[in-house]
Amino acid sequence: MSENQPTNQGKLNTYRMLLPLLGEQRLLIIGWLFFLTISSAATLTLPAAARFMIDRGFGQTDPQLLNAGFMGLFVVAMVMAAAGALRYFCITLLGERVAAKLRTRLYAHLLTLDQAFFERTRSGELVSRLAADTELVQTVVGSTLSLSLRSLLMLVGSTVMLIVTSPRLAGLTALVIPAVILPIVVLGRRVEKLSRESQDRIADASAVASESINAIHTVQAYTREPRERERYSNAVWLALKTAGHRIATTAWLTALVILLGFGAITLVLWAGAHAVLAGEMNAGVLAQFVLYAVVAAGSVGGLTEVWGELLRCAGALGRISELLDTRAEIRSPEQPIPLPRPLRGSIRIEQVGFHYPSRPEQAALHDFSLSIEAGETVALVGPSGAGKSTLFQLLQRFHDPQSGRITLDGEDLRSLDLAELRNAFALVPQDPVLFGASAADNIRFGRLDADDGAVEVAARAAEAHEFLRELPQGYDTYLGERGVRLSGGQQQRIAIARALLRDAPVLLLDEATSSLDAQSEHLIQQALTRLIANRTTLVIAHRLSTVQKADRIVVLERGRIVAMGTHEQLLREGGLYAELARLQFAA
C-alpha cells in the first residue's frame, strides 16, 4: 500500500486483515455487541422519560406520576451502569487480545524474513511497528471501535426518534446534514495522510534511539553523547511537528463539525420554539426533540473525533500489512529433498558468483569453486573484503548465489529445507551474540533440549567452566543484555560452548579466538582440536597462528582464490599468504 493511497477501498482492505483475529474472539464480540445495544437503548429512553415527566408529572401536578418517572430514570441509570461496565470489559479485553495476537504474528513473520530484508530495514523501525503501531491498533479495537459503533447506534436511534417525535422538525434537520458531512469528506483525506506521516516519523525516532543504545559502548567511548542526543532530539521534534499538523487538522475538523452541527440544532429549535408559542406543539414534545437532537449532535461529534483515530489506525495497519505481505526471497522449497543420514559434511562450491543485494555493482565472489571433503579442516585467509564471511553466509543460505551452486553431501542447498540445512552447521561468529538470559540458557541456545550435565560438559570443553562457576549464581547468573557482564574473551568462550553443544556435522569458525588472550587461546585451540575431529570445519582467521594446522589453507583476494595449500607450501610459494605471514610474525 503506497503512502499516497487514501481510497476507501484501501482503507477497507487494511481493516480486513483484522477479521481473522477478531473471528477468534467471538464470545467477547457477542458480549460487547449485546451490552452495547442494551446501554444504547437505555440512553435513548431518557428523552422519552423527560417528555413523560413534563407532560404528565409537571403538567398534571401528579406526585405519584412524578415519583414513578424518577424511579424509572433510576432504573434506566442502573441498566446503563451495568451494561456500560460489561461493555467496557468485553471491548477492552478484545483490544488487548487482538493486539497480542497481532504482535505475535508480526514477530513470528519477521523471524522468517531473510538477511536481505534486514540489510535494508532498520531494526528500530521494526521495533516501532511491534510497539507503537500495534499499540494504536489495541487502542482502536479496545476503545475507538466501541465508541464509533456506539455513536453510530445512537445517531441512528436518535434520528429515528427525531422523525417519530416531530416529522416536520426532523425534515428541517435533514436539510442541514450535508453542511455537517462536507468537512469530514474534505479534511478526512488530509488527516489520514498526516496520520501515516506521523507514524513514520515516530518509527524514525525509534530507529535512531535503537541504533544509539545498541552501540552505547562506542557512543560513550568516543564521547558522542551530545551528538546522539541531538540526532534523537531532531527526530523527536520532527515527529512532534508532523503530529502537530495532524492534531491541528483534526481539531479544525472537530470544531467545524461541532459548530455546524449545533448551529443546525439551534436553527431547528428556533423553529420548534415558535411552533410551541403558536400552540402547534406542546412543551414535552419540544423537550424530547431537543434531547434527541443533542444526542444526535453528540454522536456526530463523537464520530468526527474517532474518525481521526480510525484513519491513524488505517495507516498503522497499512504499515503492518506491508511487513506481513513481505516474503523472504530465501525460503524452503515446496518439496524439499531430505539430507542424507548420517550427514558426512562434504561441501562443493561450483563456479559461484555473488553480489550482495545492497551492493549490486560490486561482486563479493567471482567464479568461485572449492571442494571440501568430509572431515577436512579448511582455513580461509585473506584481507578484509576478500569474501571469507560471504562464503559462510552462502553456506548457511542467508543468500543465494546469482550463478553457480553449492552442494552439501551432493544436494543443492536450494533444494533443502532451510531449518534442516542450518541445523547441519554450528557457527562461532567473530562478534559473539549473547542474550539477556542466564549463562546456562545462552549455552543451551545451541541445543534447547540439552540437560545441565551436557551444558557443563560443553562449558568445560570451551574452557568456560571455571569463570562460570565463580559467578554469583554460577551457571544461573544473568549475563545482561548482549552479555555485558562478561569480558570479550568470556563471551567468546560462551559462544564456543554453544557451538560445542550443538554438535553439528559442519563447524564454521569466524575468528573464534580473536578475543582471547594467549593463554586462553592455547586452551581453546586444544578444545577446538578435539571439536573438529571427524567433523568438516571451515575456519576464518586473520591471525595465521590459528590456522597453521589446517589440512588446507585457501587464500582469497577480491572474491577469488589466489592460492591454496598447507602453511609450509604457501610460505615456499610466496605471494599474498607469505606476505601476510611475514608482516604478522615480524610484528
Protein backbone atom coordinates (compact mmCIF):
# COMPACT_ATOMS: atom_id res chain seq x y z
CA MET A 1 0.00 0.00 0.00
CA SER A 2 1.60 3.25 -1.07
CA GLU A 3 1.84 6.28 1.14
CA ASN A 4 -0.47 8.36 -1.04
CA GLN A 5 -3.34 5.91 -1.32
CA PRO A 6 -6.15 7.06 0.95
CA THR A 7 -9.00 5.47 -1.05
CA ASN A 8 -11.97 3.93 0.73
CA GLN A 9 -11.18 0.58 -0.87
CA GLY A 10 -7.65 0.78 0.53
CA LYS A 11 -8.97 1.52 3.99
CA LEU A 12 -11.42 -1.38 3.78
CA ASN A 13 -8.68 -3.77 2.69
CA THR A 14 -6.47 -2.54 5.51
CA TYR A 15 -9.04 -3.22 8.22
CA ARG A 16 -9.94 -6.52 6.65
CA MET A 17 -6.68 -8.00 7.95
CA LEU A 18 -8.15 -7.81 11.47
CA LEU A 19 -11.13 -10.01 10.64
CA PRO A 20 -9.35 -13.36 11.27
CA LEU A 21 -8.05 -12.06 14.62
CA LEU A 22 -11.49 -10.77 15.59
CA GLY A 23 -13.08 -14.04 14.49
CA GLU A 24 -11.08 -15.85 17.17
CA GLN A 25 -12.80 -13.75 19.86
CA ARG A 26 -16.46 -14.38 19.00
CA LEU A 27 -17.71 -14.60 22.59
CA LEU A 28 -16.19 -11.24 23.53
CA ILE A 29 -17.63 -9.63 20.39
CA ILE A 30 -21.10 -11.06 21.05
CA GLY A 31 -20.95 -9.87 24.67
CA TRP A 32 -19.73 -6.43 23.62
CA LEU A 33 -22.47 -6.02 20.98
CA PHE A 34 -25.16 -7.23 23.40
CA PHE A 35 -24.21 -4.86 26.20
CA LEU A 36 -23.61 -2.03 23.73
CA THR A 37 -27.16 -2.45 22.43
CA ILE A 38 -28.57 -2.51 25.98
CA SER A 39 -26.69 0.63 27.07
CA SER A 40 -27.56 2.49 23.86
CA ALA A 41 -31.24 1.56 24.14
CA ALA A 42 -31.29 2.70 27.76
CA THR A 43 -29.77 6.04 26.78
CA LEU A 44 -32.35 6.56 24.06
CA THR A 45 -35.20 6.11 26.55
CA LEU A 46 -34.12 9.16 28.58
CA PRO A 47 -35.66 11.84 26.29
CA ALA A 48 -38.96 9.91 26.22
CA ALA A 49 -38.88 9.75 30.05
CA ALA A 50 -38.26 13.51 30.16
CA ARG A 51 -41.28 14.12 27.93
CA PHE A 52 -43.39 11.89 30.19
CA MET A 53 -42.42 13.87 33.31
CA ILE A 54 -43.01 17.23 31.63
CA ASP A 55 -46.40 16.34 30.15
CA ARG A 56 -47.71 14.04 32.90
CA GLY A 57 -45.79 14.88 36.07
CA PHE A 58 -45.35 18.64 35.83
CA GLY A 59 -48.28 19.33 33.55
CA GLN A 60 -50.82 17.38 35.66
CA THR A 61 -49.13 18.12 39.02
CA ASP A 62 -49.47 14.45 39.99
CA PRO A 63 -46.81 13.46 42.62
CA GLN A 64 -47.30 9.74 42.01
CA LEU A 65 -46.65 10.07 38.30
CA LEU A 66 -43.63 12.26 39.08
CA ASN A 67 -42.28 9.68 41.55
CA ALA A 68 -42.82 6.88 39.03
CA GLY A 69 -40.98 8.91 36.39
CA PHE A 70 -37.92 9.49 38.58
CA MET A 71 -37.93 5.85 39.71
CA GLY A 72 -37.93 4.86 36.06
CA LEU A 73 -34.97 7.17 35.45
CA PHE A 74 -33.06 5.50 38.30
CA VAL A 75 -33.78 2.03 36.90
CA VAL A 76 -32.57 3.18 33.49
CA ALA A 77 -29.40 4.54 35.13
CA MET A 78 -28.79 1.16 36.81
CA VAL A 79 -29.16 -0.63 33.47
CA MET A 80 -26.83 1.87 31.81
CA ALA A 81 -24.21 1.45 34.54
CA ALA A 82 -24.22 -2.36 34.44
CA ALA A 83 -24.32 -2.57 30.64
CA GLY A 84 -21.63 0.12 30.30
CA ALA A 85 -19.25 -1.67 32.68
CA LEU A 86 -19.71 -5.03 30.95
CA ARG A 87 -19.38 -3.40 27.53
CA TYR A 88 -16.08 -1.81 28.63
CA PHE A 89 -14.78 -5.13 29.95
CA CYS A 90 -15.56 -7.01 26.74
CA ILE A 91 -14.21 -4.45 24.29
CA THR A 92 -11.07 -3.61 26.28
CA LEU A 93 -10.13 -7.28 26.69
CA LEU A 94 -10.88 -7.75 23.00
CA GLY A 95 -8.40 -4.97 22.13
CA GLU A 96 -5.71 -6.49 24.35
CA ARG A 97 -6.13 -9.95 22.83
CA VAL A 98 -6.19 -8.72 19.23
CA ALA A 99 -3.05 -6.61 19.80
CA ALA A 100 -1.27 -9.54 21.47
CA LYS A 101 -2.18 -11.85 18.58
CA LEU A 102 -1.08 -9.24 16.04
CA ARG A 103 2.26 -8.66 17.80
CA THR A 104 2.90 -12.39 17.99
CA ARG A 105 2.01 -12.91 14.34
CA LEU A 106 4.13 -9.97 13.18
CA TYR A 107 7.15 -11.02 15.25
CA ALA A 108 6.90 -14.62 14.07
CA HIS A 109 6.75 -13.37 10.47
CA LEU A 110 9.78 -11.12 10.92
CA LEU A 111 11.81 -14.12 12.07
CA THR A 112 11.11 -15.82 8.73
CA LEU A 113 12.47 -12.97 6.60
CA ASP A 114 15.91 -13.23 5.03
CA GLN A 115 19.09 -11.26 5.59
CA ALA A 116 18.48 -9.05 2.55
CA PHE A 117 15.36 -7.65 4.23
CA PHE A 118 17.22 -6.80 7.44
CA GLU A 119 20.06 -5.22 5.48
CA ARG A 120 17.67 -2.63 4.04
CA THR A 121 15.43 -2.18 7.10
CA ARG A 122 16.42 -0.55 10.39
CA SER A 123 15.81 -2.63 13.49
CA GLY A 124 14.43 0.38 15.37
CA GLU A 125 11.76 0.82 12.72
CA LEU A 126 10.70 -2.80 13.14
CA VAL A 127 10.55 -2.38 16.93
CA SER A 128 8.31 0.64 16.37
CA ARG A 129 5.97 -1.47 14.26
CA LEU A 130 5.80 -4.07 17.03
CA ALA A 131 5.22 -1.46 19.73
CA ALA A 132 3.71 1.83 18.53
CA ASP A 133 1.67 0.55 15.59
CA THR A 134 0.22 -2.44 17.43
CA GLU A 135 -0.48 -0.22 20.45
CA LEU A 136 -2.54 2.04 18.18
CA VAL A 137 -4.45 -1.00 16.90
CA GLN A 138 -5.11 -2.01 20.50
CA THR A 139 -6.47 1.47 21.29
CA VAL A 140 -8.72 1.49 18.26
CA VAL A 141 -10.09 -2.02 18.78
CA GLY A 142 -10.34 -1.68 22.56
CA SER A 143 -11.82 1.82 22.69
CA THR A 144 -12.28 3.76 19.46
CA LEU A 145 -14.16 0.96 17.71
CA SER A 146 -16.63 0.73 20.57
CA LEU A 147 -17.09 4.50 20.73
CA SER A 148 -17.60 4.75 16.99
CA LEU A 149 -20.18 1.96 16.89
CA ARG A 150 -21.92 3.37 19.96
CA SER A 151 -22.02 6.81 18.34
CA LEU A 152 -23.36 5.26 15.15
CA LEU A 153 -26.09 3.38 17.02
CA MET A 154 -27.02 6.50 18.97
CA LEU A 155 -27.07 8.55 15.77
CA VAL A 156 -29.35 6.08 14.00
CA GLY A 157 -31.59 5.62 17.05
CA SER A 158 -31.88 9.34 17.79
CA THR A 159 -32.55 10.07 14.11
CA VAL A 160 -35.43 7.58 14.08
CA MET A 161 -36.83 9.08 17.30
CA LEU A 162 -36.50 12.60 15.89
CA ILE A 163 -38.69 11.56 12.96
CA VAL A 164 -41.19 9.87 15.28
CA THR A 165 -41.27 12.85 17.63
CA SER A 166 -41.73 15.58 15.00
CA PRO A 167 -41.53 14.77 11.28
CA ARG A 168 -41.62 18.46 10.36
CA LEU A 169 -38.65 19.43 12.56
CA ALA A 170 -36.81 16.27 11.51
CA GLY A 171 -37.23 17.24 7.86
CA LEU A 172 -35.77 20.66 8.60
CA THR A 173 -32.83 18.96 10.33
CA ALA A 174 -32.19 16.76 7.28
CA LEU A 175 -31.72 19.86 5.13
CA VAL A 176 -28.64 20.95 7.09
CA ILE A 177 -26.96 17.49 7.36
CA PRO A 178 -24.82 17.98 4.19
CA ALA A 179 -23.20 21.02 5.84
CA VAL A 180 -22.04 18.75 8.68
CA ILE A 181 -20.80 15.89 6.48
CA LEU A 182 -18.86 18.02 3.98
CA PRO A 183 -15.90 18.86 6.32
CA ILE A 184 -15.43 15.16 7.11
CA VAL A 185 -15.10 14.36 3.41
CA VAL A 186 -12.77 17.29 2.67
CA LEU A 187 -10.47 17.09 5.69
CA GLY A 188 -10.62 13.33 6.25
CA ARG A 189 -8.17 12.54 3.46
CA ARG A 190 -5.74 15.13 4.81
CA VAL A 191 -5.96 13.64 8.31
CA GLU A 192 -5.21 10.13 7.03
CA LYS A 193 -2.10 11.26 5.14
CA LEU A 194 -0.81 13.20 8.15
CA SER A 195 -1.54 10.23 10.41
CA ARG A 196 0.62 7.95 8.31
CA GLU A 197 3.41 10.52 8.15
CA SER A 198 3.23 10.91 11.93
CA GLN A 199 3.68 7.16 12.47
CA ASP A 200 6.61 7.18 10.02
CA ARG A 201 8.36 9.92 11.99
CA ILE A 202 7.82 8.05 15.26
CA ALA A 203 9.39 4.98 13.67
CA ASP A 204 12.36 7.11 12.55
CA ALA A 205 12.89 8.35 16.10
CA SER A 206 12.70 4.80 17.44
CA ALA A 207 15.27 3.68 14.89
CA VAL A 208 17.71 6.42 15.98
CA ALA A 209 17.28 5.52 19.65
CA SER A 210 17.68 1.80 19.00
CA GLU A 211 20.83 2.35 16.96
CA SER A 212 22.45 4.52 19.63
CA ILE A 213 21.51 2.26 22.55
CA ASN A 214 22.78 -0.84 20.75
CA ALA A 215 26.09 0.96 20.18
CA ILE A 216 26.21 2.67 23.60
CA HIS A 217 29.75 1.46 24.29
CA THR A 218 31.07 3.10 21.12
CA VAL A 219 28.99 6.23 21.70
CA GLN A 220 30.41 6.72 25.18
CA ALA A 221 33.94 5.68 24.20
CA TYR A 222 34.00 8.45 21.57
CA THR A 223 32.07 10.86 23.84
CA ARG A 224 29.40 11.33 21.21
CA GLU A 225 26.52 11.60 23.69
CA PRO A 226 25.79 15.23 22.69
CA ARG A 227 25.65 14.29 19.00
CA GLU A 228 23.33 11.34 19.65
CA ARG A 229 21.11 13.49 21.88
CA GLU A 230 20.88 16.00 19.05
CA ARG A 231 20.07 13.28 16.48
CA TYR A 232 17.31 11.85 18.64
CA SER A 233 16.02 15.29 19.60
CA ASN A 234 15.80 16.29 15.93
CA ALA A 235 13.94 13.07 15.10
CA VAL A 236 11.54 13.57 18.02
CA TRP A 237 10.86 17.19 17.12
CA LEU A 238 10.23 16.25 13.51
CA ALA A 239 7.74 13.63 14.71
CA LEU A 240 6.18 16.24 17.01
CA LYS A 241 5.93 18.74 14.16
CA THR A 242 4.16 16.20 11.96
CA ALA A 243 1.89 15.21 14.85
CA GLY A 244 1.13 18.90 15.39
CA HIS A 245 -0.08 19.22 11.80
CA ARG A 246 -2.24 16.12 12.25
CA ILE A 247 -3.67 17.36 15.55
CA ALA A 248 -4.38 20.83 14.14
CA THR A 249 -6.19 19.39 11.14
CA THR A 250 -8.21 17.04 13.34
CA ALA A 251 -9.02 19.94 15.68
CA TRP A 252 -10.29 22.04 12.77
CA LEU A 253 -12.37 19.11 11.60
CA THR A 254 -13.86 18.63 15.06
CA ALA A 255 -14.53 22.34 15.56
CA LEU A 256 -16.26 22.73 12.21
CA VAL A 257 -18.48 19.70 12.73
CA ILE A 258 -19.49 20.75 16.24
CA LEU A 259 -20.11 24.36 15.17
CA LEU A 260 -22.14 23.41 12.15
CA GLY A 261 -23.94 20.63 14.00
CA PHE A 262 -25.06 22.73 16.93
CA GLY A 263 -25.74 25.66 14.62
CA ALA A 264 -28.14 23.42 12.73
CA ILE A 265 -29.73 22.29 16.01
CA THR A 266 -30.15 25.88 17.10
CA LEU A 267 -31.91 26.68 13.85
CA VAL A 268 -34.27 23.73 14.25
CA LEU A 269 -35.00 24.57 17.90
CA TRP A 270 -35.79 28.15 16.93
CA ALA A 271 -38.45 26.81 14.57
CA GLY A 272 -39.72 24.42 17.28
CA ALA A 273 -39.96 27.15 19.89
CA HIS A 274 -42.13 29.25 17.59
CA ALA A 275 -44.33 26.19 17.00
CA VAL A 276 -44.84 25.85 20.78
CA LEU A 277 -45.71 29.52 21.10
CA ALA A 278 -48.21 29.13 18.25
CA GLY A 279 -49.83 26.16 20.01
CA GLU A 280 -48.84 23.75 17.26
CA MET A 281 -46.65 21.65 19.60
CA ASN A 282 -46.57 21.07 23.35
CA ALA A 283 -43.52 21.64 25.53
CA GLY A 284 -42.91 17.93 26.22
CA VAL A 285 -42.59 17.13 22.52
CA LEU A 286 -40.15 20.01 22.01
CA ALA A 287 -38.09 18.90 25.04
CA GLN A 288 -37.98 15.34 23.73
CA PHE A 289 -36.94 16.57 20.30
CA VAL A 290 -34.26 18.82 21.83
CA LEU A 291 -32.76 15.95 23.82
CA TYR A 292 -32.74 13.61 20.82
CA ALA A 293 -31.18 16.37 18.73
CA VAL A 294 -28.46 16.82 21.37
CA VAL A 295 -27.84 13.06 21.36
CA ALA A 296 -27.63 13.08 17.54
CA ALA A 297 -25.25 16.04 17.50
CA GLY A 298 -23.08 14.49 20.19
CA SER A 299 -22.96 11.27 18.20
CA VAL A 300 -21.87 13.13 15.07
CA GLY A 301 -19.19 14.93 17.09
CA GLY A 302 -18.07 11.62 18.58
CA LEU A 303 -17.83 10.04 15.13
CA THR A 304 -15.79 13.01 13.94
CA GLU A 305 -13.32 12.68 16.82
CA VAL A 306 -12.86 8.93 16.39
CA TRP A 307 -12.59 9.32 12.62
CA GLY A 308 -9.08 10.68 13.02
CA GLU A 309 -8.11 7.72 15.21
CA LEU A 310 -9.59 5.30 12.71
CA LEU A 311 -7.53 6.92 9.95
CA ARG A 312 -4.37 6.73 12.09
CA CYS A 313 -5.05 3.07 12.71
CA ALA A 314 -5.60 2.56 8.98
CA GLY A 315 -2.11 3.94 8.42
CA ALA A 316 -0.63 1.72 11.15
CA LEU A 317 -2.41 -1.34 9.80
CA GLY A 318 -1.17 -0.50 6.33
CA ARG A 319 2.42 -0.48 7.57
CA ILE A 320 1.91 -3.75 9.48
CA SER A 321 0.25 -5.26 6.42
CA GLU A 322 3.26 -4.28 4.30
CA LEU A 323 5.53 -6.21 6.64
CA LEU A 324 3.20 -9.22 6.75
CA ASP A 325 2.99 -9.20 2.96
CA THR A 326 6.79 -9.15 2.65
CA ARG A 327 8.04 -12.56 1.62
CA ALA A 328 11.54 -13.86 2.12
CA GLU A 329 13.43 -14.42 -1.10
CA ILE A 330 15.33 -17.21 0.65
CA ARG A 331 12.91 -19.92 1.72
CA SER A 332 12.46 -23.67 1.73
CA PRO A 333 11.25 -25.30 -1.48
CA GLU A 334 7.70 -26.65 -1.52
CA GLN A 335 9.04 -30.23 -1.67
CA PRO A 336 12.48 -30.21 -0.04
CA ILE A 337 14.90 -33.08 -0.50
CA PRO A 338 15.88 -34.68 2.82
CA LEU A 339 19.56 -34.61 3.74
CA PRO A 340 21.35 -37.98 3.86
CA ARG A 341 21.59 -39.59 7.29
CA PRO A 342 24.15 -39.68 8.72
CA LEU A 343 25.36 -36.42 7.20
CA ARG A 344 29.03 -36.60 6.20
CA GLY A 345 29.61 -32.87 5.64
CA SER A 346 31.07 -32.91 2.13
CA ILE A 347 30.81 -29.45 0.51
CA ARG A 348 31.11 -28.48 -3.16
CA ILE A 349 31.17 -24.87 -4.33
CA GLU A 350 30.84 -24.78 -8.10
CA GLN A 351 31.57 -21.61 -10.10
CA VAL A 352 29.70 -19.37 -7.69
CA GLY A 353 29.22 -15.69 -8.45
CA PHE A 354 27.56 -13.47 -5.86
CA HIS A 355 26.69 -9.80 -5.37
CA TYR A 356 25.09 -8.54 -2.14
CA PRO A 357 21.64 -7.02 -2.79
CA SER A 358 22.77 -3.81 -1.07
CA ARG A 359 25.90 -3.63 -3.29
CA PRO A 360 24.82 -4.99 -6.70
CA GLU A 361 27.64 -3.25 -8.55
CA GLN A 362 30.39 -4.96 -6.54
CA ALA A 363 30.94 -8.73 -6.78
CA ALA A 364 31.72 -10.42 -3.46
CA LEU A 365 32.67 -13.72 -5.14
CA HIS A 366 33.88 -14.27 -8.73
CA ASP A 367 33.50 -17.68 -10.40
CA PHE A 368 34.39 -19.30 -7.08
CA SER A 369 34.94 -23.07 -6.92
CA LEU A 370 36.11 -25.13 -3.95
CA SER A 371 35.69 -28.75 -2.83
CA ILE A 372 35.84 -29.65 0.87
CA GLU A 373 35.92 -33.29 1.83
CA ALA A 374 34.02 -34.68 4.79
CA GLY A 375 36.05 -34.29 7.98
CA GLU A 376 38.53 -31.89 6.39
CA THR A 377 39.64 -28.67 8.10
CA VAL A 378 39.98 -25.77 5.66
CA ALA A 379 41.18 -22.32 6.66
CA LEU A 380 40.12 -19.22 4.74
CA VAL A 381 42.71 -16.46 4.78
CA GLY A 382 42.84 -13.09 3.12
CA PRO A 383 42.40 -9.36 3.64
CA SER A 384 39.08 -7.82 4.72
CA GLY A 385 36.54 -7.90 1.91
CA ALA A 386 38.09 -10.92 0.25
CA GLY A 387 34.85 -12.95 0.54
CA LYS A 388 35.50 -15.16 3.57
CA SER A 389 32.43 -14.20 5.58
CA THR A 390 30.38 -14.14 2.38
CA LEU A 391 31.19 -17.81 1.91
CA PHE A 392 29.82 -18.55 5.40
CA GLN A 393 26.65 -16.63 4.55
CA LEU A 394 26.13 -18.65 1.38
CA LEU A 395 26.81 -21.97 3.09
CA GLN A 396 24.04 -21.30 5.61
CA ARG A 397 21.89 -19.96 2.76
CA PHE A 398 21.32 -16.50 4.14
CA HIS A 399 21.79 -15.53 0.49
CA ASP A 400 21.68 -17.45 -2.78
CA PRO A 401 24.42 -17.04 -5.39
CA GLN A 402 23.43 -15.38 -8.65
CA SER A 403 25.35 -18.03 -10.57
CA GLY A 404 26.75 -21.46 -9.83
CA ARG A 405 25.64 -23.69 -6.99
CA ILE A 406 26.68 -25.08 -3.60
CA THR A 407 26.02 -28.67 -2.51
CA LEU A 408 26.10 -30.44 0.84
CA ASP A 409 26.66 -34.18 0.53
CA GLY A 410 25.75 -33.84 -3.14
CA GLU A 411 22.44 -32.00 -2.60
CA ASP A 412 21.96 -28.44 -3.87
CA LEU A 413 21.38 -26.14 -0.90
CA ARG A 414 18.37 -24.61 -2.66
CA SER A 415 16.64 -27.99 -2.72
CA LEU A 416 16.90 -28.47 1.07
CA ASP A 417 14.65 -27.44 3.92
CA LEU A 418 16.16 -24.29 5.45
CA ALA A 419 15.86 -25.46 9.05
CA GLU A 420 17.39 -28.85 8.25
CA LEU A 421 20.22 -27.21 6.32
CA ARG A 422 21.11 -24.73 9.06
CA ASN A 423 20.90 -27.42 11.72
CA ALA A 424 23.82 -29.05 9.91
CA PHE A 425 26.06 -26.10 10.86
CA ALA A 426 27.45 -24.79 14.13
CA LEU A 427 28.70 -21.20 13.96
CA VAL A 428 31.11 -19.33 16.22
CA PRO A 429 30.97 -15.72 14.95
CA GLN A 430 33.69 -13.14 15.27
CA ASP A 431 31.46 -10.99 17.47
CA PRO A 432 29.72 -13.37 19.89
CA VAL A 433 25.98 -12.81 20.29
CA LEU A 434 24.67 -13.35 23.81
CA PHE A 435 21.11 -12.86 25.03
CA GLY A 436 19.68 -11.31 28.19
CA ALA A 437 19.43 -14.68 29.94
CA SER A 438 21.46 -16.95 32.21
CA ALA A 439 24.82 -18.40 31.21
CA ALA A 440 23.29 -21.87 31.00
CA ASP A 441 20.47 -20.67 28.74
CA ASN A 442 22.96 -18.90 26.47
CA ILE A 443 24.96 -22.11 26.06
CA ARG A 444 21.74 -24.16 25.70
CA PHE A 445 20.80 -21.94 22.75
CA GLY A 446 22.93 -24.37 20.73
CA ARG A 447 20.63 -27.29 21.64
CA LEU A 448 17.48 -26.44 23.57
CA ASP A 449 16.86 -29.97 24.86
CA ALA A 450 20.31 -30.28 26.45
CA ASP A 451 20.34 -31.02 30.18
CA ASP A 452 22.55 -29.28 32.75
CA GLY A 453 25.16 -32.00 32.51
CA ALA A 454 25.57 -31.55 28.76
CA VAL A 455 25.78 -27.77 29.23
CA GLU A 456 28.57 -28.17 31.76
CA VAL A 457 30.47 -30.61 29.54
CA ALA A 458 30.36 -28.08 26.69
CA ALA A 459 31.46 -25.28 29.03
CA ARG A 460 34.41 -27.33 30.28
CA ALA A 461 35.47 -28.14 26.71
CA ALA A 462 35.32 -24.41 25.88
CA GLU A 463 37.37 -23.53 29.00
CA ALA A 464 34.36 -21.58 30.34
CA HIS A 465 33.53 -23.72 33.37
CA GLU A 466 35.96 -22.08 35.78
CA PHE A 467 34.80 -18.49 35.36
CA LEU A 468 31.13 -19.53 35.16
CA ARG A 469 31.42 -21.42 38.43
CA GLU A 470 32.76 -18.26 40.10
CA LEU A 471 29.81 -16.08 39.03
CA PRO A 472 27.35 -15.11 41.84
CA GLN A 473 24.73 -17.71 40.81
CA GLY A 474 27.05 -19.90 38.79
CA TYR A 475 25.53 -21.11 35.54
CA ASP A 476 22.22 -19.45 36.50
CA THR A 477 23.77 -15.98 36.61
CA TYR A 478 22.01 -13.44 34.40
CA LEU A 479 24.57 -12.16 31.88
CA GLY A 480 22.84 -8.90 30.97
CA GLU A 481 21.78 -7.71 27.52
CA ARG A 482 24.35 -8.80 24.91
CA GLY A 483 26.36 -10.39 27.76
CA VAL A 484 27.67 -7.05 29.03
CA ARG A 485 28.62 -8.57 32.41
CA LEU A 486 31.33 -10.70 30.80
CA SER A 487 34.64 -9.79 29.19
CA GLY A 488 35.10 -10.19 25.46
CA GLY A 489 37.08 -13.38 25.90
CA GLN A 490 34.48 -14.84 28.25
CA GLN A 491 31.71 -14.01 25.77
CA GLN A 492 33.68 -15.79 23.07
CA ARG A 493 34.06 -18.91 25.19
CA ILE A 494 30.29 -18.97 25.82
CA ALA A 495 29.78 -18.84 22.04
CA ILE A 496 32.26 -21.69 21.57
CA ALA A 497 30.48 -23.75 24.25
CA ARG A 498 27.22 -23.15 22.40
CA ALA A 499 28.74 -24.49 19.17
CA LEU A 500 30.20 -27.46 21.02
CA LEU A 501 26.78 -28.29 22.45
CA ARG A 502 25.15 -28.11 19.02
CA ASP A 503 27.43 -30.95 17.81
CA ALA A 504 26.71 -30.26 14.13
CA PRO A 505 28.45 -32.10 11.26
CA VAL A 506 29.90 -28.86 9.87
CA LEU A 507 31.66 -26.30 12.05
CA LEU A 508 32.13 -22.66 10.99
CA LEU A 509 34.69 -20.70 13.00
CA ASP A 510 34.82 -16.99 12.20
CA GLU A 511 37.80 -15.59 14.12
CA ALA A 512 36.74 -17.83 17.02
CA THR A 513 39.79 -16.98 19.14
CA SER A 514 40.15 -13.32 18.21
CA SER A 515 39.05 -12.05 21.64
CA LEU A 516 41.18 -14.38 23.72
CA ASP A 517 44.48 -13.79 25.47
CA ALA A 518 47.43 -16.05 24.64
CA GLN A 519 46.77 -18.49 27.50
CA SER A 520 43.06 -18.80 26.78
CA GLU A 521 43.75 -19.11 23.07
CA HIS A 522 46.09 -22.04 23.74
CA LEU A 523 43.44 -23.78 25.84
CA ILE A 524 40.72 -23.09 23.28
CA GLN A 525 42.92 -24.42 20.49
CA GLN A 526 43.17 -27.69 22.42
CA ALA A 527 39.38 -27.76 22.79
CA LEU A 528 38.89 -26.96 19.11
CA THR A 529 41.31 -29.75 18.17
CA ARG A 530 39.00 -32.19 19.96
CA LEU A 531 35.94 -30.49 18.49
CA ILE A 532 36.98 -30.66 14.83
CA ALA A 533 37.83 -34.37 14.96
CA ASN A 534 35.66 -36.25 12.42
CA ARG A 535 33.89 -33.01 11.56
CA THR A 536 34.08 -30.76 8.49
CA THR A 537 35.48 -27.44 9.65
CA LEU A 538 35.90 -24.08 7.94
CA VAL A 539 38.00 -21.52 9.77
CA ILE A 540 38.25 -17.82 9.04
CA ALA A 541 41.32 -16.32 10.66
CA HIS A 542 43.37 -13.18 10.29
CA ARG A 543 45.80 -14.46 12.91
CA LEU A 544 47.72 -17.03 10.92
CA SER A 545 48.96 -18.76 14.06
CA THR A 546 45.46 -20.22 14.47
CA VAL A 547 45.34 -21.95 11.06
CA GLN A 548 48.78 -23.46 10.66
CA LYS A 549 47.49 -26.97 11.47
CA ALA A 550 44.63 -26.86 8.95
CA ASP A 551 44.54 -29.57 6.30
CA ARG A 552 44.39 -26.84 3.68
CA ILE A 553 44.65 -23.08 3.65
CA VAL A 554 42.70 -21.22 0.97
CA VAL A 555 43.91 -17.70 0.27
CA LEU A 556 41.27 -15.30 -1.04
CA GLU A 557 41.58 -11.86 -2.55
CA ARG A 558 38.71 -9.82 -4.02
CA GLY A 559 36.38 -12.79 -4.17
CA ARG A 560 38.82 -15.14 -5.90
CA ILE A 561 41.08 -17.98 -4.78
CA VAL A 562 44.67 -16.87 -5.36
CA ALA A 563 46.49 -19.71 -3.58
CA MET A 564 45.83 -22.99 -1.82
CA GLY A 565 47.94 -25.43 0.18
CA THR A 566 49.41 -26.11 3.60
CA HIS A 567 51.12 -23.47 5.69
CA GLU A 568 54.59 -24.64 4.63
CA GLN A 569 53.66 -24.90 0.96
CA LEU A 570 52.22 -21.40 0.86
CA LEU A 571 55.26 -19.96 2.58
CA ARG A 572 57.51 -21.54 -0.02
CA GLU A 573 55.38 -20.27 -2.90
CA GLY A 574 55.47 -16.67 -1.68
CA GLY A 575 52.65 -14.37 -2.73
CA LEU A 576 49.88 -12.90 -0.58
CA TYR A 577 49.96 -15.54 2.17
CA ALA A 578 53.72 -15.29 2.59
CA GLU A 579 53.43 -11.51 2.77
CA LEU A 580 50.68 -11.72 5.41
CA ALA A 581 52.76 -14.21 7.39
CA ARG A 582 55.86 -12.05 7.14
CA LEU A 583 54.01 -8.99 8.43
CA GLN A 584 52.35 -10.83 11.33
CA PHE A 585 55.29 -12.87 12.50
CA ALA A 586 57.65 -9.92 12.14
CA ALA A 587 55.33 -7.91 14.36
